[in-house]
N, C-alpha and C. Protein backbone atom coordinates (compact mmCIF):
# COMPACT_ATOMS: atom_id res chain seq x y z
N MET A 1 121.45 50.18 -5.45
CA MET A 1 122.21 49.30 -4.29
C MET A 1 121.61 47.69 -4.62
N SER A 2 122.52 47.13 -5.13
CA SER A 2 122.04 45.64 -4.99
C SER A 2 122.38 44.95 -3.97
N ASN A 3 121.34 44.11 -3.30
CA ASN A 3 121.46 43.12 -2.20
C ASN A 3 121.79 41.60 -2.67
N GLU A 4 122.59 41.15 -1.22
CA GLU A 4 123.17 39.66 -1.61
C GLU A 4 122.26 38.62 -1.06
N TYR A 5 121.26 39.13 -0.49
CA TYR A 5 120.28 37.95 0.21
C TYR A 5 118.99 38.32 -0.51
N GLU A 6 117.89 37.64 -0.25
CA GLU A 6 116.66 38.02 -0.11
C GLU A 6 115.93 37.09 0.27
N LEU A 7 114.93 37.63 1.10
CA LEU A 7 113.86 36.45 2.41
C LEU A 7 112.90 35.93 1.39
N ILE A 8 112.76 34.64 1.11
CA ILE A 8 111.95 33.87 0.76
C ILE A 8 110.61 33.57 1.45
N LEU A 9 109.34 33.85 1.23
CA LEU A 9 108.26 33.56 1.87
C LEU A 9 107.37 32.77 1.47
N CYS A 10 106.84 31.63 2.17
CA CYS A 10 105.89 30.58 1.69
C CYS A 10 105.01 30.39 2.36
N ILE A 11 103.83 30.61 1.85
CA ILE A 11 102.67 30.15 2.70
C ILE A 11 101.94 28.98 2.35
N VAL A 12 101.70 27.81 2.99
CA VAL A 12 101.25 26.84 2.63
C VAL A 12 100.33 26.21 3.68
N ASN A 13 99.46 25.12 3.23
CA ASN A 13 98.38 24.52 4.27
C ASN A 13 99.54 23.99 5.36
N GLN A 14 98.64 23.40 6.44
CA GLN A 14 99.45 22.83 7.74
C GLN A 14 99.86 21.58 6.90
N GLY A 15 100.93 21.28 7.59
CA GLY A 15 101.72 20.05 6.91
C GLY A 15 102.43 19.97 5.65
N PHE A 16 102.77 21.09 5.27
CA PHE A 16 103.64 21.29 4.04
C PHE A 16 104.80 21.81 4.04
N SER A 17 105.26 22.19 5.25
CA SER A 17 106.39 23.23 5.17
C SER A 17 107.33 22.05 5.14
N GLU A 18 107.37 21.01 5.30
CA GLU A 18 108.70 20.26 5.03
C GLU A 18 108.86 20.13 3.36
N GLU A 19 107.98 19.84 2.61
CA GLU A 19 108.10 19.85 1.27
C GLU A 19 108.64 20.96 0.92
N VAL A 20 108.55 22.52 1.01
CA VAL A 20 108.83 23.42 1.00
C VAL A 20 110.66 23.33 1.27
N MET A 21 110.75 23.21 2.19
CA MET A 21 111.99 22.74 2.67
C MET A 21 113.07 22.06 1.69
N ASP A 22 112.19 20.81 1.66
CA ASP A 22 112.73 19.66 0.81
C ASP A 22 113.17 20.40 -0.64
N ALA A 23 112.61 21.30 -1.28
CA ALA A 23 112.49 21.75 -2.28
C ALA A 23 113.77 22.91 -2.64
N ALA A 24 113.32 23.56 -1.33
CA ALA A 24 114.38 24.61 -1.45
C ALA A 24 115.87 24.32 -1.22
N LYS A 25 116.07 23.06 -0.13
CA LYS A 25 117.35 22.65 -0.07
C LYS A 25 118.12 21.78 -1.47
N ASP A 26 116.72 21.17 -2.34
CA ASP A 26 117.83 20.75 -3.55
C ASP A 26 118.22 21.93 -4.31
N CYS A 27 117.45 23.03 -3.78
CA CYS A 27 118.22 24.46 -5.04
C CYS A 27 119.71 24.84 -3.97
N GLY A 28 119.85 24.63 -3.00
CA GLY A 28 120.82 25.20 -2.42
C GLY A 28 120.44 25.98 -1.27
N ALA A 29 119.28 26.25 -0.78
CA ALA A 29 119.01 26.60 0.52
C ALA A 29 119.66 25.73 1.96
N ARG A 30 119.92 26.35 2.72
CA ARG A 30 120.69 25.64 3.87
C ARG A 30 119.43 25.35 5.47
N GLY A 31 118.45 26.15 4.99
CA GLY A 31 117.39 26.27 6.04
C GLY A 31 116.58 26.95 6.26
N GLY A 32 115.76 27.11 7.10
CA GLY A 32 114.40 28.14 7.14
C GLY A 32 113.73 28.16 8.68
N THR A 33 113.05 28.77 8.75
CA THR A 33 112.24 28.89 9.88
C THR A 33 110.49 28.62 9.48
N VAL A 34 110.02 28.09 10.44
CA VAL A 34 108.48 27.68 9.94
C VAL A 34 107.72 28.50 11.22
N ILE A 35 106.56 29.30 10.83
CA ILE A 35 105.80 29.68 11.66
C ILE A 35 103.94 29.15 11.61
N ASN A 36 103.68 28.83 12.42
CA ASN A 36 102.01 28.48 12.23
C ASN A 36 101.31 29.76 12.27
N ALA A 37 100.54 29.77 11.44
CA ALA A 37 99.68 30.79 11.20
C ALA A 37 98.26 30.20 10.67
N ARG A 38 97.40 31.34 10.64
CA ARG A 38 95.99 31.10 10.74
C ARG A 38 95.33 32.03 9.14
N GLY A 39 95.23 31.51 8.27
CA GLY A 39 94.55 32.20 6.88
C GLY A 39 93.01 32.70 7.07
N THR A 40 92.71 33.80 6.42
CA THR A 40 91.67 34.17 5.92
C THR A 40 91.23 34.58 4.89
N ALA A 41 90.24 34.45 4.38
CA ALA A 41 89.27 34.34 2.88
C ALA A 41 88.15 34.36 2.86
N LYS A 42 87.72 35.52 2.03
CA LYS A 42 86.34 35.45 1.44
C LYS A 42 86.10 34.21 0.91
N ALA A 43 84.68 33.69 0.60
CA ALA A 43 84.39 32.37 0.25
C ALA A 43 84.29 32.62 -1.55
N ASP A 44 83.91 33.96 -2.25
CA ASP A 44 84.58 34.20 -3.48
C ASP A 44 85.92 33.84 -3.90
N ALA A 45 86.58 34.04 -3.09
CA ALA A 45 88.40 33.63 -3.42
C ALA A 45 88.20 32.17 -3.49
N GLU A 46 87.75 31.32 -2.82
CA GLU A 46 87.56 29.47 -3.41
C GLU A 46 87.06 29.52 -4.77
N ALA A 47 85.94 30.24 -5.01
CA ALA A 47 85.46 30.05 -6.27
C ALA A 47 86.27 30.77 -7.42
N LEU A 48 87.09 31.76 -7.03
CA LEU A 48 87.67 32.60 -8.15
C LEU A 48 88.83 31.47 -8.36
N PHE A 49 89.47 30.94 -7.42
CA PHE A 49 90.83 30.13 -7.73
C PHE A 49 90.49 28.69 -7.79
N HIS A 50 89.30 28.16 -7.83
CA HIS A 50 88.69 26.84 -7.52
C HIS A 50 89.77 25.93 -6.89
N ILE A 51 89.66 26.40 -5.42
CA ILE A 51 90.25 25.74 -4.68
C ILE A 51 89.56 25.67 -3.14
N THR A 52 89.64 24.85 -2.31
CA THR A 52 89.19 24.98 -1.06
C THR A 52 90.19 25.48 -0.06
N ILE A 53 90.11 26.83 0.50
CA ILE A 53 90.70 27.58 1.15
C ILE A 53 91.17 26.52 2.75
N SER A 54 91.98 26.56 3.36
CA SER A 54 92.06 25.55 4.70
C SER A 54 92.55 26.78 5.65
N PRO A 55 92.16 26.89 6.75
CA PRO A 55 92.32 28.27 7.59
C PRO A 55 93.77 27.70 8.21
N GLU A 56 94.21 26.56 8.47
CA GLU A 56 95.32 26.25 9.34
C GLU A 56 96.81 26.49 8.00
N LYS A 57 97.56 27.24 8.59
CA LYS A 57 98.92 27.61 7.34
C LYS A 57 100.21 27.20 8.12
N GLU A 58 101.08 27.38 7.42
CA GLU A 58 102.22 27.53 7.85
C GLU A 58 103.21 28.40 6.75
N ILE A 59 104.08 29.43 7.42
CA ILE A 59 104.86 30.24 6.73
C ILE A 59 106.04 29.60 6.59
N VAL A 60 106.89 29.92 5.75
CA VAL A 60 108.59 29.19 5.58
C VAL A 60 109.11 30.53 5.53
N MET A 61 110.12 30.79 5.99
CA MET A 61 111.03 31.56 5.76
C MET A 61 112.15 31.25 5.36
N ILE A 62 112.61 31.49 4.22
CA ILE A 62 114.27 31.21 3.77
C ILE A 62 114.88 32.32 3.31
N LEU A 63 115.70 32.64 3.92
CA LEU A 63 117.17 33.61 3.96
C LEU A 63 117.94 33.02 2.89
N SER A 64 117.94 33.69 1.50
CA SER A 64 118.60 32.77 -0.01
C SER A 64 119.35 34.28 -0.50
N LYS A 65 120.65 33.12 -0.72
CA LYS A 65 121.70 34.19 -1.70
C LYS A 65 120.40 34.56 -2.89
N VAL A 66 120.82 35.75 -3.26
CA VAL A 66 119.94 36.33 -4.71
C VAL A 66 120.20 35.35 -5.96
N ASP A 67 121.16 34.75 -5.94
CA ASP A 67 122.00 33.88 -7.13
C ASP A 67 120.98 32.68 -7.10
N ILE A 68 120.49 32.23 -6.30
CA ILE A 68 119.60 30.89 -6.27
C ILE A 68 118.21 31.03 -5.86
N LYS A 69 117.90 32.60 -5.67
CA LYS A 69 116.40 32.94 -5.38
C LYS A 69 115.50 32.34 -6.34
N ASP A 70 115.79 32.50 -7.80
CA ASP A 70 114.70 31.88 -8.77
C ASP A 70 114.53 30.76 -8.52
N ASP A 71 115.52 29.89 -8.64
CA ASP A 71 115.20 28.50 -8.66
C ASP A 71 114.72 27.81 -7.52
N ILE A 72 114.85 28.45 -6.26
CA ILE A 72 114.36 28.02 -4.94
C ILE A 72 112.70 28.27 -5.03
N LEU A 73 112.22 29.53 -5.63
CA LEU A 73 110.63 29.81 -5.79
C LEU A 73 110.60 29.12 -7.05
N LYS A 74 110.56 28.60 -8.36
CA LYS A 74 110.40 27.72 -9.37
C LYS A 74 110.01 26.27 -8.32
N ALA A 75 111.19 25.89 -7.46
CA ALA A 75 111.17 24.68 -7.20
C ALA A 75 110.07 24.25 -6.15
N ILE A 76 109.62 25.57 -5.48
CA ILE A 76 108.41 25.80 -4.42
C ILE A 76 107.38 25.35 -5.09
N TYR A 77 107.42 26.26 -5.93
CA TYR A 77 105.90 26.44 -7.15
C TYR A 77 105.35 24.94 -7.55
N THR A 78 106.68 24.12 -7.92
CA THR A 78 106.37 22.90 -9.02
C THR A 78 106.08 21.76 -7.81
N LYS A 79 106.61 21.95 -6.75
CA LYS A 79 106.12 20.91 -5.62
C LYS A 79 104.98 21.42 -4.73
N VAL A 80 104.45 22.51 -4.22
CA VAL A 80 103.55 22.93 -3.60
C VAL A 80 102.91 24.04 -3.70
N GLY A 81 102.67 24.30 -5.12
CA GLY A 81 101.88 25.60 -5.78
C GLY A 81 100.39 25.66 -5.47
N LEU A 82 99.89 26.42 -6.09
CA LEU A 82 98.55 26.64 -5.67
C LEU A 82 97.54 25.39 -6.44
N ASN A 83 98.26 24.43 -7.39
CA ASN A 83 97.36 23.53 -7.71
C ASN A 83 97.96 22.11 -7.06
N SER A 84 98.50 22.27 -5.95
CA SER A 84 98.85 21.18 -5.38
C SER A 84 98.03 20.88 -4.03
N PRO A 85 98.08 19.97 -3.28
CA PRO A 85 97.60 20.10 -2.20
C PRO A 85 97.98 20.73 -0.62
N GLY A 86 99.22 21.39 -1.20
CA GLY A 86 99.78 22.28 -0.10
C GLY A 86 99.33 23.86 -0.73
N GLN A 87 98.99 24.02 -1.66
CA GLN A 87 98.04 25.02 -2.00
C GLN A 87 98.93 26.53 -1.43
N GLY A 88 100.25 26.17 -1.82
CA GLY A 88 101.75 27.49 -1.40
C GLY A 88 101.27 28.21 -2.55
N ILE A 89 101.84 29.38 -2.02
CA ILE A 89 102.19 30.92 -2.35
C ILE A 89 103.47 31.23 -1.62
N ALA A 90 104.43 31.71 -2.92
CA ALA A 90 105.64 32.44 -2.45
C ALA A 90 105.92 33.27 -3.10
N PHE A 91 106.57 34.56 -2.31
CA PHE A 91 107.30 35.67 -3.15
C PHE A 91 108.73 35.84 -2.36
N SER A 92 109.41 36.64 -2.62
CA SER A 92 110.51 37.19 -2.09
C SER A 92 110.42 38.58 -1.77
N VAL A 93 111.69 39.35 -0.86
CA VAL A 93 111.68 40.35 -0.55
C VAL A 93 112.85 40.88 -0.34
N PRO A 94 113.41 41.84 -1.01
CA PRO A 94 114.83 42.14 -0.42
C PRO A 94 115.46 42.37 0.62
N VAL A 95 116.74 41.91 1.19
CA VAL A 95 117.26 42.16 2.20
C VAL A 95 118.38 43.30 2.72
N ASP A 96 118.46 44.09 3.32
CA ASP A 96 119.51 45.41 3.40
C ASP A 96 120.46 44.62 4.12
N ASP A 97 120.51 44.21 5.11
CA ASP A 97 121.45 43.90 6.01
C ASP A 97 121.33 42.59 6.69
N VAL A 98 122.47 41.76 6.78
CA VAL A 98 122.28 40.41 7.53
C VAL A 98 123.53 40.41 8.38
N VAL A 99 123.17 40.05 9.80
CA VAL A 99 124.01 39.46 10.78
C VAL A 99 124.04 38.06 11.34
N GLY A 100 124.93 37.77 11.96
CA GLY A 100 124.83 36.05 12.46
C GLY A 100 124.84 35.08 11.63
N LEU A 101 125.21 35.47 10.54
CA LEU A 101 125.66 34.18 9.23
C LEU A 101 126.90 33.91 9.38
N GLY A 102 127.81 35.03 9.73
CA GLY A 102 128.80 34.97 9.34
C GLY A 102 129.54 35.53 7.68
N ALA A 103 128.64 35.74 6.87
CA ALA A 103 128.60 36.09 5.82
C ALA A 103 129.01 37.50 5.68
N LYS A 104 128.64 38.25 6.69
CA LYS A 104 128.71 39.75 6.13
C LYS A 104 129.23 40.36 7.58
N ASN A 105 130.04 40.98 7.83
CA ASN A 105 130.55 41.60 9.17
C ASN A 105 129.89 43.27 9.14
N ILE A 106 128.57 43.30 9.62
CA ILE A 106 128.35 44.86 9.74
C ILE A 106 128.78 45.75 10.98
N ASP A 107 129.03 46.86 10.56
CA ASP A 107 129.61 47.95 11.63
C ASP A 107 128.67 48.11 12.59
N ILE A 108 128.12 47.92 13.90
CA ILE A 108 127.25 47.71 14.76
C ILE A 108 127.40 49.74 14.69
N GLU A 109 127.99 50.03 14.97
CA GLU A 109 128.01 51.81 15.19
C GLU A 109 127.27 52.21 13.89
N LYS A 110 127.19 51.46 12.78
CA LYS A 110 126.53 51.81 11.59
C LYS A 110 124.81 51.47 11.82
N LEU A 111 124.74 50.54 12.20
CA LEU A 111 123.57 50.15 12.40
C LEU A 111 122.75 51.38 13.59
N LYS A 112 123.50 51.51 14.65
CA LYS A 112 122.99 52.12 15.72
C LYS A 112 122.53 53.82 15.08
N GLU A 113 123.34 54.19 14.28
CA GLU A 113 123.45 55.28 13.42
C GLU A 113 122.11 55.33 12.48
N LYS A 114 121.61 54.16 12.05
CA LYS A 114 120.58 53.87 11.11
C LYS A 114 119.40 54.19 11.89
N GLU A 115 119.38 53.61 13.31
CA GLU A 115 118.24 53.42 14.11
C GLU A 115 117.99 55.01 14.49
N LYS A 116 118.95 55.86 14.63
CA LYS A 116 118.86 57.28 15.44
C LYS A 116 117.76 58.14 14.45
N LYS A 117 118.21 57.89 12.91
CA LYS A 117 117.45 58.83 11.96
C LYS A 117 115.73 58.06 11.71
């Protein structure tokens, strides 16, 4: 089964979500959602990656068409990757169904049947 959308998740130090969105929008993303978060890591992780880990984070969620996902991930890595002050990591996960974008009409009865299973 081929998915039309993927969810890109990018975790960056607090204050860098706008840079993530700027990079994503330059590649065709239309918007995203930012969630405030708190990171945890062991001290040896800082030594391993040669970085200082700031506990205050932002998670940027971007619903992307599959055909531009790789470009968005590359742009995010280039602008706010681990070797930048934003110390960002990003990854994507496939999305089965999308509602509310006008991009795909989902049969509500079909969704209700899925929930029953």
